[in-house]
Amino acid sequence: MAARDPLYWDGSDLKEMSSSMITEIANRCIYLYGGSPTVTLSQVGSGGNISPSMIDTRKKAGAYRSFVNRFPNESETAEPGTVTVEYDKISQTTASVSQPTDTNNKLYPIYYDGSGSIQAMNSTDIFDTFITTAIGLLVDGNDRDGTFRIHTSTSLSGHTLISGTPVFSDTRANTGAYSSGGIPETLDQSTTITNYYLFRTNQGGAPSFTAPLQINSDNDLQEYSTTNFDAMLLAEIRYHTTNTVGSRISYNIDGSGSNRGSGMANTILNGSGNRQTRFVNANDYRAQEFPDGSAVTANTYRLRIHRS
């Protein structure tokens, strides 16, 4: 099959749709998908099925040591360690969608065949003409209706926050919380640098389009009603985004596809340890190494949307 040029009534004659008219309908498909997406993401406490899991790392103090006659030296005190926290807080759900049925070969728009006769398009024609273009736009990484993205605050214009609980948090050792006078300090004292939240792009305004013609029950030609045309397009794009190989939409972390929103940075301090001492009494000389250094990015995770 192939992309077709659907016919419309210009007020006086049958005309083939231009490429811009077909693009308008592809944009209409995106709008319709935005109101009823087949692939949705949610924030969960743990056990999310988006792969792979994300890991936040931060430094913690080494264990303190004390001697009765002197301070423990550098080699005798434990080095700062690393805390790792796993984030598997995004789950993906894909709807189960059946293929639309065209029982009387009149569901779809008409076009001129190679001999100049009029016939109705079939489902494959609809896919090749409108749906594949719409799916390509849905997965291009831009904020398309009904798609999901990451953001660094709990509000974003044109989007709906999925949960006030972040799907990833970048934390680092809170160096200001450690002091020699506190030895033995609690090993893990952290501060949150950035929280990352899951959003869904809102359904925008309904794009205008020129309605094509179809064959009605009397075998006459009529213009689609907006309701019927929208219903047909929505059924088609929902089916193909879940069932058609090469057009199924899914999300992942750092896999194939287009980035959706803010990258989720995991930063960590790069120092080798800040040894501090505390004299308590003649029988208690203490030392402990605290996290130190500059913040560096260990890795950055990205939510991606993929067509497969």
C-alpha atoms as a PDB file:
ATOM      1  CA  MET A   1       0.000   0.000   0.000  1.00  0.00           C
ATOM      2  CA  ALA A   2       1.000   3.648  -0.091  1.00  0.00           C
ATOM      3  CA  ALA A   3       0.123   7.130   1.022  1.00  0.00           C
ATOM      4  CA  ARG A   4      -2.958   8.433  -0.768  1.00  0.00           C
ATOM      5  CA  ASP A   5      -4.335  11.855  -1.675  1.00  0.00           C
ATOM      6  CA  PRO A   6      -7.788  11.875  -0.075  1.00  0.00           C
ATOM      7  CA  LEU A   7     -10.556  13.723  -1.844  1.00  0.00           C
ATOM      8  CA  TYR A   8     -12.475  16.672  -0.447  1.00  0.00           C
ATOM      9  CA  TRP A   9     -15.235  18.953  -1.743  1.00  0.00           C
ATOM     10  CA  ASP A  10     -14.027  22.508  -2.400  1.00  0.00           C
ATOM     11  CA  GLY A  11     -17.559  23.841  -2.870  1.00  0.00           C
ATOM     12  CA  SER A  12     -17.795  23.138  -6.546  1.00  0.00           C
ATOM     13  CA  ASP A  13     -15.690  20.084  -7.345  1.00  0.00           C
ATOM     14  CA  LEU A  14     -13.800  17.086  -5.985  1.00  0.00           C
ATOM     15  CA  LYS A  15     -10.173  17.893  -5.244  1.00  0.00           C
ATOM     16  CA  GLU A  16      -7.186  15.928  -4.006  1.00  0.00           C
ATOM     17  CA  MET A  17      -5.822  17.111  -0.695  1.00  0.00           C
ATOM     18  CA  SER A  18      -2.536  18.971  -0.699  1.00  0.00           C
ATOM     19  CA  SER A  19       0.400  17.895   1.445  1.00  0.00           C
ATOM     20  CA  SER A  20      -0.344  20.732   3.876  1.00  0.00           C
ATOM     21  CA  MET A  21      -3.916  19.485   4.300  1.00  0.00           C
ATOM     22  CA  ILE A  22      -2.619  15.986   5.037  1.00  0.00           C
ATOM     23  CA  THR A  23      -0.175  17.431   7.590  1.00  0.00           C
ATOM     24  CA  GLU A  24      -3.081  19.197   9.291  1.00  0.00           C
ATOM     25  CA  ILE A  25      -4.771  15.827   9.734  1.00  0.00           C
ATOM     26  CA  ALA A  26      -1.567  14.275  11.086  1.00  0.00           C
ATOM     27  CA  ASN A  27      -1.490  17.098  13.644  1.00  0.00           C
ATOM     28  CA  ARG A  28      -5.110  16.346  14.437  1.00  0.00           C
ATOM     29  CA  CYS A  29      -4.044  12.757  15.185  1.00  0.00           C
ATOM     30  CA  ILE A  30      -1.496  14.032  17.729  1.00  0.00           C
ATOM     31  CA  TYR A  31      -4.167  16.151  19.386  1.00  0.00           C
ATOM     32  CA  LEU A  32      -6.521  13.174  19.611  1.00  0.00           C
ATOM     33  CA  TYR A  33      -3.766  10.948  20.999  1.00  0.00           C
ATOM     34  CA  GLY A  34      -3.110  13.570  23.669  1.00  0.00           C
ATOM     35  CA  GLY A  35      -6.610  13.037  25.040  1.00  0.00           C
ATOM     36  CA  SER A  36      -6.248   9.255  25.149  1.00  0.00           C
ATOM     37  CA  PRO A  37      -2.605   8.115  25.001  1.00  0.00           C
ATOM     38  CA  THR A  38      -1.960   4.402  24.745  1.00  0.00           C
ATOM     39  CA  VAL A  39       1.297   4.515  26.717  1.00  0.00           C
ATOM     40  CA  THR A  40       1.229   6.183  30.123  1.00  0.00           C
ATOM     41  CA  LEU A  41       3.801   6.635  32.872  1.00  0.00           C
ATOM     42  CA  SER A  42       3.222   6.825  36.617  1.00  0.00           C
ATOM     43  CA  GLN A  43       5.314   7.469  39.701  1.00  0.00           C
ATOM     44  CA  VAL A  44       5.540   4.488  42.062  1.00  0.00           C
ATOM     45  CA  GLY A  45       7.224   3.960  45.417  1.00  0.00           C
ATOM     46  CA  SER A  46       9.463   1.183  44.092  1.00  0.00           C
ATOM     47  CA  GLY A  47       9.517  -1.617  41.575  1.00  0.00           C
ATOM     48  CA  GLY A  48       8.914   0.549  38.533  1.00  0.00           C
ATOM     49  CA  ASN A  49       9.218  -1.257  35.199  1.00  0.00           C
ATOM     50  CA  ILE A  50      11.076   1.435  33.241  1.00  0.00           C
ATOM     51  CA  SER A  51      14.576   0.095  32.615  1.00  0.00           C
ATOM     52  CA  PRO A  52      17.210   0.456  33.742  1.00  0.00           C
ATOM     53  CA  SER A  53      16.984   1.672  37.345  1.00  0.00           C
ATOM     54  CA  MET A  54      18.757   4.928  38.183  1.00  0.00           C
ATOM     55  CA  ILE A  55      21.401   5.186  40.915  1.00  0.00           C
ATOM     56  CA  ASP A  56      22.152   8.236  43.052  1.00  0.00           C
ATOM     57  CA  THR A  57      25.571   8.209  44.731  1.00  0.00           C
ATOM     58  CA  ARG A  58      27.025  10.429  47.446  1.00  0.00           C
ATOM     59  CA  LYS A  59      29.966  10.383  49.818  1.00  0.00           C
ATOM     60  CA  LYS A  60      29.719   9.647  53.542  1.00  0.00           C
ATOM     61  CA  ALA A  61      32.249  10.029  56.368  1.00  0.00           C
ATOM     62  CA  GLY A  62      34.594   7.229  57.293  1.00  0.00           C
ATOM     63  CA  ALA A  63      34.234   5.577  60.675  1.00  0.00           C
ATOM     64  CA  TYR A  64      35.953   7.485  63.481  1.00  0.00           C
ATOM     65  CA  ARG A  65      38.856   6.066  65.476  1.00  0.00           C
ATOM     66  CA  SER A  66      40.290   6.956  68.854  1.00  0.00           C
ATOM     67  CA  PHE A  67      43.559   6.267  70.702  1.00  0.00           C
ATOM     68  CA  VAL A  68      44.415   6.814  74.354  1.00  0.00           C
ATOM     69  CA  ASN A  69      47.746   8.557  73.770  1.00  0.00           C
ATOM     70  CA  ARG A  70      47.645  10.290  70.341  1.00  0.00           C
ATOM     71  CA  PHE A  71      45.508  11.146  67.362  1.00  0.00           C
ATOM     72  CA  PRO A  72      45.080   8.420  64.730  1.00  0.00           C
ATOM     73  CA  ASN A  73      47.035   9.418  61.647  1.00  0.00           C
ATOM     74  CA  GLU A  74      45.792   9.510  58.042  1.00  0.00           C
ATOM     75  CA  SER A  75      46.536   5.871  57.304  1.00  0.00           C
ATOM     76  CA  GLU A  76      44.821   4.775  60.505  1.00  0.00           C
ATOM     77  CA  THR A  77      41.470   6.492  59.854  1.00  0.00           C
ATOM     78  CA  ALA A  78      38.833   5.099  57.537  1.00  0.00           C
ATOM     79  CA  GLU A  79      38.406   6.814  54.176  1.00  0.00           C
ATOM     80  CA  PRO A  80      35.027   8.328  53.225  1.00  0.00           C
ATOM     81  CA  GLY A  81      32.678   5.778  51.735  1.00  0.00           C
ATOM     82  CA  THR A  82      29.947   5.916  49.097  1.00  0.00           C
ATOM     83  CA  VAL A  83      26.206   5.661  49.595  1.00  0.00           C
ATOM     84  CA  THR A  84      24.131   4.371  46.693  1.00  0.00           C
ATOM     85  CA  VAL A  85      20.365   4.780  46.406  1.00  0.00           C
ATOM     86  CA  GLU A  86      18.416   2.998  43.666  1.00  0.00           C
ATOM     87  CA  TYR A  87      15.497   4.744  41.958  1.00  0.00           C
ATOM     88  CA  ASP A  88      13.003   2.530  40.159  1.00  0.00           C
ATOM     89  CA  LYS A  89      10.050   4.854  40.551  1.00  0.00           C
ATOM     90  CA  ILE A  90       8.640   5.056  37.009  1.00  0.00           C
ATOM     91  CA  SER A  91       6.157   2.499  35.712  1.00  0.00           C
ATOM     92  CA  GLN A  92       4.888   2.209  32.161  1.00  0.00           C
ATOM     93  CA  THR A  93       1.444   0.954  31.182  1.00  0.00           C
ATOM     94  CA  THR A  94       0.484   0.114  27.610  1.00  0.00           C
ATOM     95  CA  ALA A  95      -3.177  -0.146  26.679  1.00  0.00           C
ATOM     96  CA  SER A  96      -4.574  -3.218  24.966  1.00  0.00           C
ATOM     97  CA  VAL A  97      -6.115  -2.005  21.709  1.00  0.00           C
ATOM     98  CA  SER A  98      -7.911  -4.044  19.047  1.00  0.00           C
ATOM     99  CA  GLN A  99      -7.673  -3.298  15.351  1.00  0.00           C
ATOM    100  CA  PRO A 100     -10.546  -1.164  14.028  1.00  0.00           C
ATOM    101  CA  THR A 101     -12.898  -2.994  11.673  1.00  0.00           C
ATOM    102  CA  ASP A 102     -14.119  -1.659   8.355  1.00  0.00           C
ATOM    103  CA  THR A 103     -17.032  -4.017   7.823  1.00  0.00           C
ATOM    104  CA  ASN A 104     -18.456  -2.425   4.688  1.00  0.00           C
ATOM    105  CA  ASN A 105     -15.355  -0.772   3.168  1.00  0.00           C
ATOM    106  CA  LYS A 106     -16.795   2.661   3.912  1.00  0.00           C
ATOM    107  CA  LEU A 107     -15.024   3.650   7.123  1.00  0.00           C
ATOM    108  CA  TYR A 108     -12.145   5.468   5.458  1.00  0.00           C
ATOM    109  CA  PRO A 109     -11.760   8.453   3.090  1.00  0.00           C
ATOM    110  CA  ILE A 110     -11.937   8.131  -0.680  1.00  0.00           C
ATOM    111  CA  TYR A 111      -9.254   8.763  -3.302  1.00  0.00           C
ATOM    112  CA  TYR A 112      -8.723   8.448  -7.049  1.00  0.00           C
ATOM    113  CA  ASP A 113      -7.123   5.136  -7.932  1.00  0.00           C
ATOM    114  CA  GLY A 114      -4.677   4.818 -10.812  1.00  0.00           C
ATOM    115  CA  SER A 115      -7.456   4.600 -13.394  1.00  0.00           C
ATOM    116  CA  GLY A 116      -9.267   7.713 -12.198  1.00  0.00           C
ATOM    117  CA  SER A 117     -11.990   5.786 -10.391  1.00  0.00           C
ATOM    118  CA  ILE A 118     -12.975   6.558  -6.811  1.00  0.00           C
ATOM    119  CA  GLN A 119     -12.426   4.027  -4.064  1.00  0.00           C
ATOM    120  CA  ALA A 120     -12.160   3.991  -0.295  1.00  0.00           C
ATOM    121  CA  MET A 121      -8.830   3.841   1.482  1.00  0.00           C
ATOM    122  CA  ASN A 122      -8.081   0.911   3.755  1.00  0.00           C
ATOM    123  CA  SER A 123      -6.392   0.816   7.171  1.00  0.00           C
ATOM    124  CA  THR A 124      -2.921   0.498   5.679  1.00  0.00           C
ATOM    125  CA  ASP A 125      -3.570   3.522   3.475  1.00  0.00           C
ATOM    126  CA  ILE A 126      -4.639   5.498   6.555  1.00  0.00           C
ATOM    127  CA  PHE A 127      -1.452   4.478   8.322  1.00  0.00           C
ATOM    128  CA  ASP A 128       0.746   5.434   5.374  1.00  0.00           C
ATOM    129  CA  THR A 129      -1.083   8.718   4.746  1.00  0.00           C
ATOM    130  CA  PHE A 130      -1.660  10.115   8.235  1.00  0.00           C
ATOM    131  CA  ILE A 131      -0.703   7.888  11.159  1.00  0.00           C
ATOM    132  CA  THR A 132       2.975   7.173  10.530  1.00  0.00           C
ATOM    133  CA  THR A 133       3.686  10.902  10.226  1.00  0.00           C
ATOM    134  CA  ALA A 134       1.825  11.580  13.464  1.00  0.00           C
ATOM    135  CA  ILE A 135       3.744   8.872  15.337  1.00  0.00           C
ATOM    136  CA  GLY A 136       7.025  10.255  14.032  1.00  0.00           C
ATOM    137  CA  LEU A 137       6.124  13.634  15.523  1.00  0.00           C
ATOM    138  CA  LEU A 138       4.992  12.106  18.816  1.00  0.00           C
ATOM    139  CA  VAL A 139       8.440  10.583  19.366  1.00  0.00           C
ATOM    140  CA  ASP A 140      10.577  13.480  18.103  1.00  0.00           C
ATOM    141  CA  GLY A 141      11.458  14.691  21.613  1.00  0.00           C
ATOM    142  CA  ASN A 142       9.314  17.819  21.565  1.00  0.00           C
ATOM    143  CA  ASP A 143       6.408  18.417  23.929  1.00  0.00           C
ATOM    144  CA  ARG A 144       3.684  16.573  22.040  1.00  0.00           C
ATOM    145  CA  ASP A 145       0.188  16.084  23.429  1.00  0.00           C
ATOM    146  CA  GLY A 146      -0.057  13.117  25.789  1.00  0.00           C
ATOM    147  CA  THR A 147       3.676  12.411  26.005  1.00  0.00           C
ATOM    148  CA  PHE A 148       5.697  12.412  29.219  1.00  0.00           C
ATOM    149  CA  ARG A 149       8.790  14.303  30.310  1.00  0.00           C
ATOM    150  CA  ILE A 150      11.045  15.136  33.269  1.00  0.00           C
ATOM    151  CA  HIS A 151      11.284  18.560  34.928  1.00  0.00           C
ATOM    152  CA  THR A 152      13.135  20.004  37.919  1.00  0.00           C
ATOM    153  CA  SER A 153      10.225  21.682  39.712  1.00  0.00           C
ATOM    154  CA  THR A 154       6.636  20.783  40.519  1.00  0.00           C
ATOM    155  CA  SER A 155       5.077  23.152  37.997  1.00  0.00           C
ATOM    156  CA  LEU A 156       5.511  23.508  34.256  1.00  0.00           C
ATOM    157  CA  SER A 157       3.281  25.472  31.909  1.00  0.00           C
ATOM    158  CA  GLY A 158       1.273  23.301  29.552  1.00  0.00           C
ATOM    159  CA  HIS A 159       1.902  20.158  31.584  1.00  0.00           C
ATOM    160  CA  THR A 160       0.325  18.137  34.385  1.00  0.00           C
ATOM    161  CA  LEU A 161       2.412  16.958  37.334  1.00  0.00           C
ATOM    162  CA  ILE A 162       2.061  13.209  37.786  1.00  0.00           C
ATOM    163  CA  SER A 163       3.209  13.167  41.409  1.00  0.00           C
ATOM    164  CA  GLY A 164       4.727  15.541  43.939  1.00  0.00           C
ATOM    165  CA  THR A 165       7.157  12.742  44.811  1.00  0.00           C
ATOM    166  CA  PRO A 166      10.267  12.921  42.621  1.00  0.00           C
ATOM    167  CA  VAL A 167      11.203  10.034  40.360  1.00  0.00           C
ATOM    168  CA  PHE A 168      14.887  10.799  40.985  1.00  0.00           C
ATOM    169  CA  SER A 169      16.809  12.922  43.477  1.00  0.00           C
ATOM    170  CA  ASP A 170      20.410  14.020  43.229  1.00  0.00           C
ATOM    171  CA  THR A 171      21.957  14.185  46.702  1.00  0.00           C
ATOM    172  CA  ARG A 172      25.425  14.990  47.966  1.00  0.00           C
ATOM    173  CA  ALA A 173      27.221  14.902  51.293  1.00  0.00           C
ATOM    174  CA  ASN A 174      26.399  17.990  53.343  1.00  0.00           C
ATOM    175  CA  THR A 175      29.933  19.085  54.198  1.00  0.00           C
ATOM    176  CA  GLY A 176      28.635  21.849  56.461  1.00  0.00           C
ATOM    177  CA  ALA A 177      27.007  19.272  58.726  1.00  0.00           C
ATOM    178  CA  TYR A 178      30.330  17.699  59.735  1.00  0.00           C
ATOM    179  CA  SER A 179      32.603  19.234  62.388  1.00  0.00           C
ATOM    180  CA  SER A 180      35.587  18.139  64.433  1.00  0.00           C
ATOM    181  CA  GLY A 181      33.672  18.926  67.615  1.00  0.00           C
ATOM    182  CA  GLY A 182      31.047  16.372  66.614  1.00  0.00           C
ATOM    183  CA  ILE A 183      33.395  13.405  66.226  1.00  0.00           C
ATOM    184  CA  PRO A 184      32.104  10.754  66.055  1.00  0.00           C
ATOM    185  CA  GLU A 185      29.891  12.300  63.412  1.00  0.00           C
ATOM    186  CA  THR A 186      26.988  10.432  61.816  1.00  0.00           C
ATOM    187  CA  LEU A 187      28.497   8.873  58.713  1.00  0.00           C
ATOM    188  CA  ASP A 188      25.799   9.747  56.174  1.00  0.00           C
ATOM    189  CA  GLN A 189      24.683  13.375  56.318  1.00  0.00           C
ATOM    190  CA  SER A 190      23.252  14.465  52.989  1.00  0.00           C
ATOM    191  CA  THR A 191      21.521  17.332  51.271  1.00  0.00           C
ATOM    192  CA  THR A 192      19.278  17.228  48.214  1.00  0.00           C
ATOM    193  CA  ILE A 193      20.679  19.131  45.250  1.00  0.00           C
ATOM    194  CA  THR A 194      17.903  18.617  42.672  1.00  0.00           C
ATOM    195  CA  ASN A 195      14.621  16.731  42.540  1.00  0.00           C
ATOM    196  CA  TYR A 196      13.278  15.493  39.232  1.00  0.00           C
ATOM    197  CA  TYR A 197       9.543  15.107  38.607  1.00  0.00           C
ATOM    198  CA  LEU A 198       7.396  13.339  36.022  1.00  0.00           C
ATOM    199  CA  PHE A 199       4.980  15.381  33.886  1.00  0.00           C
ATOM    200  CA  ARG A 200       2.501  14.705  31.103  1.00  0.00           C
ATOM    201  CA  THR A 201       2.167  17.214  28.265  1.00  0.00           C
ATOM    202  CA  ASN A 202      -1.388  18.525  28.188  1.00  0.00           C
ATOM    203  CA  GLN A 203      -3.706  18.122  25.247  1.00  0.00           C
ATOM    204  CA  GLY A 204      -3.549  21.424  23.404  1.00  0.00           C
ATOM    205  CA  GLY A 205      -6.131  23.170  21.298  1.00  0.00           C
ATOM    206  CA  ALA A 206      -7.855  21.235  18.551  1.00  0.00           C
ATOM    207  CA  PRO A 207      -6.069  21.868  15.222  1.00  0.00           C
ATOM    208  CA  SER A 208      -8.277  22.821  12.311  1.00  0.00           C
ATOM    209  CA  PHE A 209      -8.432  20.580   9.237  1.00  0.00           C
ATOM    210  CA  THR A 210     -10.304  20.068   6.012  1.00  0.00           C
ATOM    211  CA  ALA A 211     -12.626  17.071   6.239  1.00  0.00           C
ATOM    212  CA  PRO A 212     -12.242  14.512   3.450  1.00  0.00           C
ATOM    213  CA  LEU A 213     -15.103  12.646   1.824  1.00  0.00           C
ATOM    214  CA  GLN A 214     -16.316   9.125   2.468  1.00  0.00           C
ATOM    215  CA  ILE A 215     -18.848   6.761   0.927  1.00  0.00           C
ATOM    216  CA  ASN A 216     -22.036   6.695   2.985  1.00  0.00           C
ATOM    217  CA  SER A 217     -24.556   3.874   3.448  1.00  0.00           C
ATOM    218  CA  ASP A 218     -26.412   4.959   0.307  1.00  0.00           C
ATOM    219  CA  ASN A 219     -23.189   4.749  -1.708  1.00  0.00           C
ATOM    220  CA  ASP A 220     -23.181   8.511  -2.093  1.00  0.00           C
ATOM    221  CA  LEU A 221     -20.260  10.737  -1.207  1.00  0.00           C
ATOM    222  CA  GLN A 222     -20.433  12.830   1.948  1.00  0.00           C
ATOM    223  CA  GLU A 223     -18.112  14.888   4.067  1.00  0.00           C
ATOM    224  CA  TYR A 224     -17.080  13.349   7.362  1.00  0.00           C
ATOM    225  CA  SER A 225     -18.551  14.851  10.481  1.00  0.00           C
ATOM    226  CA  THR A 226     -15.843  16.007  12.875  1.00  0.00           C
ATOM    227  CA  THR A 227     -17.027  13.471  15.456  1.00  0.00           C
ATOM    228  CA  ASN A 228     -16.817  10.513  13.083  1.00  0.00           C
ATOM    229  CA  PHE A 229     -13.523  11.520  11.553  1.00  0.00           C
ATOM    230  CA  ASP A 230     -11.935  12.070  14.967  1.00  0.00           C
ATOM    231  CA  ALA A 231     -13.193   8.698  16.182  1.00  0.00           C
ATOM    232  CA  MET A 232     -11.666   6.943  13.172  1.00  0.00           C
ATOM    233  CA  LEU A 233      -8.313   8.692  13.512  1.00  0.00           C
ATOM    234  CA  LEU A 234      -8.111   8.060  17.253  1.00  0.00           C
ATOM    235  CA  ALA A 235      -8.878   4.369  16.845  1.00  0.00           C
ATOM    236  CA  GLU A 236      -6.183   4.069  14.184  1.00  0.00           C
ATOM    237  CA  ILE A 237      -3.405   5.870  16.046  1.00  0.00           C
ATOM    238  CA  ARG A 238      -4.169   4.006  19.267  1.00  0.00           C
ATOM    239  CA  TYR A 239      -3.997   0.685  17.438  1.00  0.00           C
ATOM    240  CA  HIS A 240      -0.754   1.355  15.608  1.00  0.00           C
ATOM    241  CA  THR A 241       1.101   2.834  18.610  1.00  0.00           C
ATOM    242  CA  THR A 242       0.563  -0.407  20.526  1.00  0.00           C
ATOM    243  CA  ASN A 243       0.516  -3.135  17.865  1.00  0.00           C
ATOM    244  CA  THR A 244       2.349  -2.219  14.678  1.00  0.00           C
ATOM    245  CA  VAL A 245       5.990  -3.261  14.637  1.00  0.00           C
ATOM    246  CA  GLY A 246       8.087  -0.197  13.923  1.00  0.00           C
ATOM    247  CA  SER A 247       5.455   2.176  15.309  1.00  0.00           C
ATOM    248  CA  ARG A 248       4.905   1.034  18.889  1.00  0.00           C
ATOM    249  CA  ILE A 249       5.607   3.796  21.423  1.00  0.00           C
ATOM    250  CA  SER A 250       7.508   3.085  24.628  1.00  0.00           C
ATOM    251  CA  TYR A 251       9.724   4.867  27.154  1.00  0.00           C
ATOM    252  CA  ASN A 252      13.065   3.921  28.648  1.00  0.00           C
ATOM    253  CA  ILE A 253      16.032   5.317  30.556  1.00  0.00           C
ATOM    254  CA  ASP A 254      19.116   6.009  28.417  1.00  0.00           C
ATOM    255  CA  GLY A 255      18.114   3.637  25.645  1.00  0.00           C
ATOM    256  CA  SER A 256      17.098   4.358  22.076  1.00  0.00           C
ATOM    257  CA  GLY A 257      14.835   7.253  21.215  1.00  0.00           C
ATOM    258  CA  SER A 258      14.487  10.976  21.844  1.00  0.00           C
ATOM    259  CA  ASN A 259      15.192  12.727  25.129  1.00  0.00           C
ATOM    260  CA  ARG A 260      12.124  13.914  27.038  1.00  0.00           C
ATOM    261  CA  GLY A 261      12.828  16.856  29.295  1.00  0.00           C
ATOM    262  CA  SER A 262      15.570  17.504  31.823  1.00  0.00           C
ATOM    263  CA  GLY A 263      18.506  15.157  32.157  1.00  0.00           C
ATOM    264  CA  MET A 264      18.708  13.705  35.672  1.00  0.00           C
ATOM    265  CA  ALA A 265      22.228  14.375  36.920  1.00  0.00           C
ATOM    266  CA  ASN A 266      23.882  12.284  39.620  1.00  0.00           C
ATOM    267  CA  THR A 267      26.601  14.458  41.180  1.00  0.00           C
ATOM    268  CA  ILE A 268      29.137  13.550  43.840  1.00  0.00           C
ATOM    269  CA  LEU A 269      32.052  15.176  45.688  1.00  0.00           C
ATOM    270  CA  ASN A 270      35.456  14.240  44.283  1.00  0.00           C
ATOM    271  CA  GLY A 271      37.676  14.783  47.345  1.00  0.00           C
ATOM    272  CA  SER A 272      39.845  12.124  49.003  1.00  0.00           C
ATOM    273  CA  GLY A 273      38.716  12.979  52.546  1.00  0.00           C
ATOM    274  CA  ASN A 274      39.066  15.794  55.058  1.00  0.00           C
ATOM    275  CA  ARG A 275      40.709  14.380  58.213  1.00  0.00           C
ATOM    276  CA  GLN A 276      39.694  16.152  61.402  1.00  0.00           C
ATOM    277  CA  THR A 277      40.707  15.520  65.023  1.00  0.00           C
ATOM    278  CA  ARG A 278      39.085  16.018  68.405  1.00  0.00           C
ATOM    279  CA  PHE A 279      40.790  15.966  71.807  1.00  0.00           C
ATOM    280  CA  VAL A 280      38.336  14.780  74.429  1.00  0.00           C
ATOM    281  CA  ASN A 281      40.687  14.028  77.348  1.00  0.00           C
ATOM    282  CA  ALA A 282      44.122  12.585  78.057  1.00  0.00           C
ATOM    283  CA  ASN A 283      42.803   9.115  77.258  1.00  0.00           C
ATOM    284  CA  ASP A 284      40.662   9.968  74.241  1.00  0.00           C
ATOM    285  CA  TYR A 285      42.180  11.294  71.020  1.00  0.00           C
ATOM    286  CA  ARG A 286      39.773  11.028  68.087  1.00  0.00           C
ATOM    287  CA  ALA A 287      40.054  11.366  64.303  1.00  0.00           C
ATOM    288  CA  GLN A 288      37.566  11.039  61.450  1.00  0.00           C
ATOM    289  CA  GLU A 289      37.608  11.731  57.721  1.00  0.00           C
ATOM    290  CA  PHE A 290      34.738  13.762  56.281  1.00  0.00           C
ATOM    291  CA  PRO A 291      33.569  14.082  52.655  1.00  0.00           C
ATOM    292  CA  ASP A 292      35.165  16.959  50.767  1.00  0.00           C
ATOM    293  CA  GLY A 293      36.047  18.180  47.283  1.00  0.00           C
ATOM    294  CA  SER A 294      34.172  19.705  44.393  1.00  0.00           C
ATOM    295  CA  ALA A 295      30.915  18.484  42.910  1.00  0.00           C
ATOM    296  CA  VAL A 296      31.323  16.516  39.695  1.00  0.00           C
ATOM    297  CA  THR A 297      28.720  14.774  37.557  1.00  0.00           C
ATOM    298  CA  ALA A 298      29.100  11.027  37.816  1.00  0.00           C
ATOM    299  CA  ASN A 299      26.442  10.353  35.185  1.00  0.00           C
ATOM    300  CA  THR A 300      23.240  11.783  33.757  1.00  0.00           C
ATOM    301  CA  TYR A 301      20.078   9.765  33.167  1.00  0.00           C
ATOM    302  CA  ARG A 302      17.565  10.666  30.473  1.00  0.00           C
ATOM    303  CA  LEU A 303      13.967   9.592  29.946  1.00  0.00           C
ATOM    304  CA  ARG A 304      13.533   8.719  26.300  1.00  0.00           C
ATOM    305  CA  ILE A 305      10.551   8.052  24.056  1.00  0.00           C
ATOM    306  CA  HIS A 306      11.058   5.386  21.422  1.00  0.00           C
ATOM    307  CA  ARG A 307       9.317   4.043  18.337  1.00  0.00           C
ATOM    308  CA  SER A 308       9.905   0.348  17.716  1.00  0.00           C
END
